Each structure stands twice: as C-alpha cells, then as structure tokens.
Amino acid sequence: MKRPALFLDRDGTLIEERHFLDNPDGVKLLPHAARGLKAWIAAGYVPVIVTNQSGIARGLFTMKRLGEIHRRLLGLLKKQGIAVEGIYVCPHLPTGKIRRYAKRCGCRKPKAGLLKRAARELRLDLPASVTIGDSRRDVEAGRAAGTRTILLGKDARDLMDAYRRLIPS
C-alpha cells in the first residue's frame, strides 16, 4: 500500500539557511521544525528530505562531507524522536567544476526527479503527498510530481503553521 509523503526541502525549511553549508557543526534545526514534523507524522505522512546540493558540483564539499552533514541532521531529529524515511540529493550543476557532477539532470529541483525516485523506492503516493519548501523551485518540483505544495514565507511561516493550514483540527 502506498503512503503519503511529506517532501521537505532541507535548507531554510528544516534547518537554518547557510550559504553552501559544508560543516556538520553548522546544522541547526529551525524553531518549530521538530514540533511541525511530529504533527505531520502523527497525521500519517512519511517525511522525506529532497535537496539540491550544487556545492558538490562546485567543488565546495564532497559527497562524504554531505553524508556527515546529513548524519548530524538525522541525529538532531532522532533526539527529538523523529525518523526521516530518506534523504534524496541532487549534486548536479551544469556549470559545476567537478566533471562527474557538471551536467543537466532530471533530479535538480524544480524538476521532479528526486520526488519521483523517492516515491518509487519508498512506495509513496504522490497525489496524496505534500511538498514544503522555502523557494519557488521547491514548489515547482512538488507540482511537477503531482503533490500539494506549501511555500514557506508565503503560504505558511514554518512547518507547524503549514500543518495547521493544510490539516484542519
């Protein structure tokens, strides 16, 4: 049976926005992120992080370092009693310095590749799912995948506010 997902952008949605975060010590959960995530999970949504990380293609950090950053994020969430189903990353940028990642792809948001891959691999129901992010490209990716969308800053202040707006009490 397919489950509804809560597709979340990482930077500016779950954690504080940092210009090309390259250090696990820089990972700081946003206020209300844990509380909001718990509400979504209690409502039956499976949390999945979908994030563009062009810093890899730019040569600013490696996939190994990104793994360390994500382990820190998952650890902070675990301390709050939250488990994320998966983290899906696009490391590509057509103008990147690292040849392996310097390409056009179908996974870089605003394209829907990350969400569609997660849906296949995790057996998620895209039309029943929600995508939340802090940029238009997050919302466009969600729309392209066929999910409902919430743009933080316009449609809601944070994950808890987004929950209240979409899931009436």
Protein backbone atom coordinates (compact mmCIF):
# COMPACT_ATOMS: atom_id res chain seq x y z
CA MET A 1 0.00 0.00 0.00
CA LYS A 2 1.31 3.43 -0.93
CA ARG A 3 1.72 6.06 1.78
CA PRO A 4 1.51 9.86 1.62
CA ALA A 5 4.83 11.65 1.92
CA LEU A 6 5.87 14.97 3.34
CA PHE A 7 8.61 16.08 0.95
CA LEU A 8 10.79 18.66 2.66
CA ASP A 9 13.47 20.94 1.39
CA ARG A 10 16.45 20.97 3.77
CA ASP A 11 17.95 24.47 3.97
CA GLY A 12 15.54 27.16 5.12
CA THR A 13 12.79 24.61 5.73
CA LEU A 14 14.18 22.15 8.30
CA ILE A 15 17.47 23.78 9.18
CA GLU A 16 18.85 27.31 9.23
CA GLU A 17 19.85 28.56 5.80
CA ARG A 18 23.64 28.67 5.41
CA HIS A 19 25.36 29.62 2.17
CA PHE A 20 26.78 26.27 0.98
CA LEU A 21 26.71 24.51 4.35
CA ASP A 22 29.91 22.45 4.40
CA ASN A 23 30.32 21.67 8.10
CA PRO A 24 28.14 19.38 10.25
CA ASP A 25 28.56 21.81 13.16
CA GLY A 26 26.55 24.36 11.15
CA VAL A 27 23.40 22.21 11.18
CA LYS A 28 20.79 23.92 13.36
CA LEU A 29 17.13 22.91 13.35
CA LEU A 30 14.73 25.77 12.74
CA PRO A 31 12.35 26.68 15.56
CA HIS A 32 9.15 24.61 15.39
CA ALA A 33 10.69 22.21 12.84
CA ALA A 34 10.58 19.21 15.19
CA ARG A 35 7.13 20.08 16.51
CA GLY A 36 5.78 20.54 13.00
CA LEU A 37 7.35 17.32 11.74
CA LYS A 38 5.83 15.37 14.63
CA ALA A 39 2.37 16.73 13.75
CA TRP A 40 2.75 15.73 10.09
CA ILE A 41 3.98 12.25 11.08
CA ALA A 42 1.06 11.82 13.51
CA ALA A 43 -1.27 12.68 10.61
CA GLY A 44 0.20 9.77 8.62
CA TYR A 45 2.78 11.50 6.42
CA VAL A 46 6.19 9.93 5.77
CA PRO A 47 8.95 12.57 5.99
CA VAL A 48 11.42 12.62 3.10
CA ILE A 49 14.08 15.27 2.56
CA VAL A 50 14.72 16.38 -1.04
CA THR A 51 17.58 18.81 -1.52
CA ASN A 52 19.68 20.40 -4.25
CA GLN A 53 23.34 20.47 -3.20
CA SER A 54 25.22 22.15 -6.04
CA GLY A 55 28.13 22.81 -3.66
CA ILE A 56 29.28 19.30 -4.60
CA ALA A 57 29.42 20.12 -8.33
CA ARG A 58 31.08 23.42 -7.48
CA GLY A 59 33.84 21.58 -5.57
CA LEU A 60 32.97 23.26 -2.25
CA PHE A 61 32.47 19.95 -0.40
CA THR A 62 32.34 16.22 -1.15
CA MET A 63 29.62 13.60 -1.03
CA LYS A 64 31.41 12.19 2.01
CA ARG A 65 31.16 15.55 3.78
CA LEU A 66 27.50 15.81 2.78
CA GLY A 67 26.95 12.41 4.40
CA GLU A 68 28.46 13.76 7.64
CA ILE A 69 26.15 16.78 7.48
CA HIS A 70 23.13 14.54 6.97
CA ARG A 71 24.16 12.23 9.82
CA ARG A 72 24.25 15.30 12.08
CA LEU A 73 20.78 16.35 10.87
CA LEU A 74 19.36 12.86 11.38
CA GLY A 75 20.94 12.74 14.85
CA LEU A 76 19.32 16.04 15.85
CA LEU A 77 15.95 14.78 14.60
CA LYS A 78 16.40 11.44 16.39
CA LYS A 79 16.96 13.31 19.68
CA GLN A 80 13.51 14.82 19.09
CA GLY A 81 12.00 11.36 18.46
CA ILE A 82 11.78 11.84 14.68
CA ALA A 83 12.87 9.40 12.00
CA VAL A 84 13.12 10.52 8.37
CA GLU A 85 12.36 7.89 5.75
CA GLY A 86 15.03 9.09 3.33
CA ILE A 87 17.22 11.91 2.09
CA TYR A 88 17.38 12.43 -1.67
CA VAL A 89 20.08 14.71 -3.06
CA CYS A 90 20.82 16.31 -6.40
CA PRO A 91 24.57 17.14 -6.53
CA HIS A 92 24.45 18.37 -10.14
CA LEU A 93 25.03 21.76 -11.72
CA PRO A 94 25.61 22.14 -15.48
CA THR A 95 28.34 24.74 -14.87
CA GLY A 96 29.98 22.84 -12.00
CA LYS A 97 33.76 22.40 -11.63
CA ILE A 98 33.62 18.70 -10.77
CA ARG A 99 33.18 16.95 -14.09
CA ARG A 100 31.24 14.00 -12.68
CA TYR A 101 28.51 16.32 -11.39
CA ALA A 102 28.67 19.05 -14.06
CA LYS A 103 25.62 18.08 -16.07
CA ARG A 104 21.96 18.66 -16.71
CA CYS A 105 19.77 16.14 -14.94
CA GLY A 106 16.18 15.33 -14.13
CA CYS A 107 16.68 15.43 -10.38
CA ARG A 108 17.60 19.08 -9.81
CA LYS A 109 14.61 20.97 -8.46
CA PRO A 110 12.44 22.46 -9.96
CA LYS A 111 12.33 19.14 -11.83
CA ALA A 112 10.52 16.32 -10.07
CA GLY A 113 13.15 13.58 -10.35
CA LEU A 114 14.04 13.39 -6.65
CA LEU A 115 10.40 13.16 -5.59
CA LYS A 116 9.54 10.58 -8.24
CA ARG A 117 12.56 8.45 -7.32
CA ALA A 118 11.64 8.59 -3.64
CA ALA A 119 8.05 7.67 -4.49
CA ARG A 120 9.21 4.59 -6.45
CA GLU A 121 11.76 3.44 -3.90
CA LEU A 122 9.68 4.10 -0.78
CA ARG A 123 6.23 3.26 -2.24
CA LEU A 124 4.79 6.73 -1.74
CA ASP A 125 1.50 8.12 -3.05
CA LEU A 126 2.39 11.33 -4.89
CA PRO A 127 -1.16 12.75 -5.28
CA ALA A 128 -1.74 12.26 -1.52
CA SER A 129 1.62 13.84 -0.65
CA VAL A 130 2.69 17.37 0.26
CA THR A 131 5.86 19.24 -0.69
CA ILE A 132 7.08 22.05 1.57
CA GLY A 133 9.96 24.38 0.82
CA ASP A 134 11.18 27.93 1.08
CA SER A 135 11.73 28.58 -2.63
CA ARG A 136 9.70 28.55 -5.82
CA ARG A 137 11.80 25.70 -7.18
CA ASP A 138 10.66 23.50 -4.25
CA VAL A 139 7.01 24.26 -5.01
CA GLU A 140 7.54 23.76 -8.75
CA ALA A 141 9.13 20.34 -8.12
CA GLY A 142 6.18 19.35 -5.96
CA ARG A 143 3.69 20.49 -8.58
CA ALA A 144 5.61 18.66 -11.32
CA ALA A 145 5.43 15.49 -9.22
CA GLY A 146 1.70 15.95 -8.64
CA THR A 147 1.79 16.76 -4.91
CA ARG A 148 0.10 19.54 -2.98
CA THR A 149 2.58 22.31 -2.16
CA ILE A 150 3.30 24.88 0.52
CA LEU A 151 5.76 27.74 0.06
CA LEU A 152 7.15 28.82 3.41
CA GLY A 153 7.11 32.57 3.85
CA LYS A 154 4.11 32.98 1.57
CA ASP A 155 1.71 30.14 2.38
CA ALA A 156 2.99 29.48 5.92
CA ARG A 157 5.63 30.68 8.41
CA ASP A 158 7.04 27.26 9.39
CA LEU A 159 6.24 23.53 9.38
CA MET A 160 3.80 23.83 12.27
CA ASP A 161 1.93 26.68 10.59
CA ALA A 162 1.90 24.70 7.32
CA TYR A 163 0.38 21.76 9.16
CA ARG A 164 -2.34 23.91 10.75
CA ARG A 165 -3.22 25.43 7.36
CA LEU A 166 -3.43 22.16 5.44
CA ILE A 167 -4.69 19.76 8.12
CA PRO A 168 -7.66 21.33 9.94
CA SER A 169 -8.13 20.34 13.59
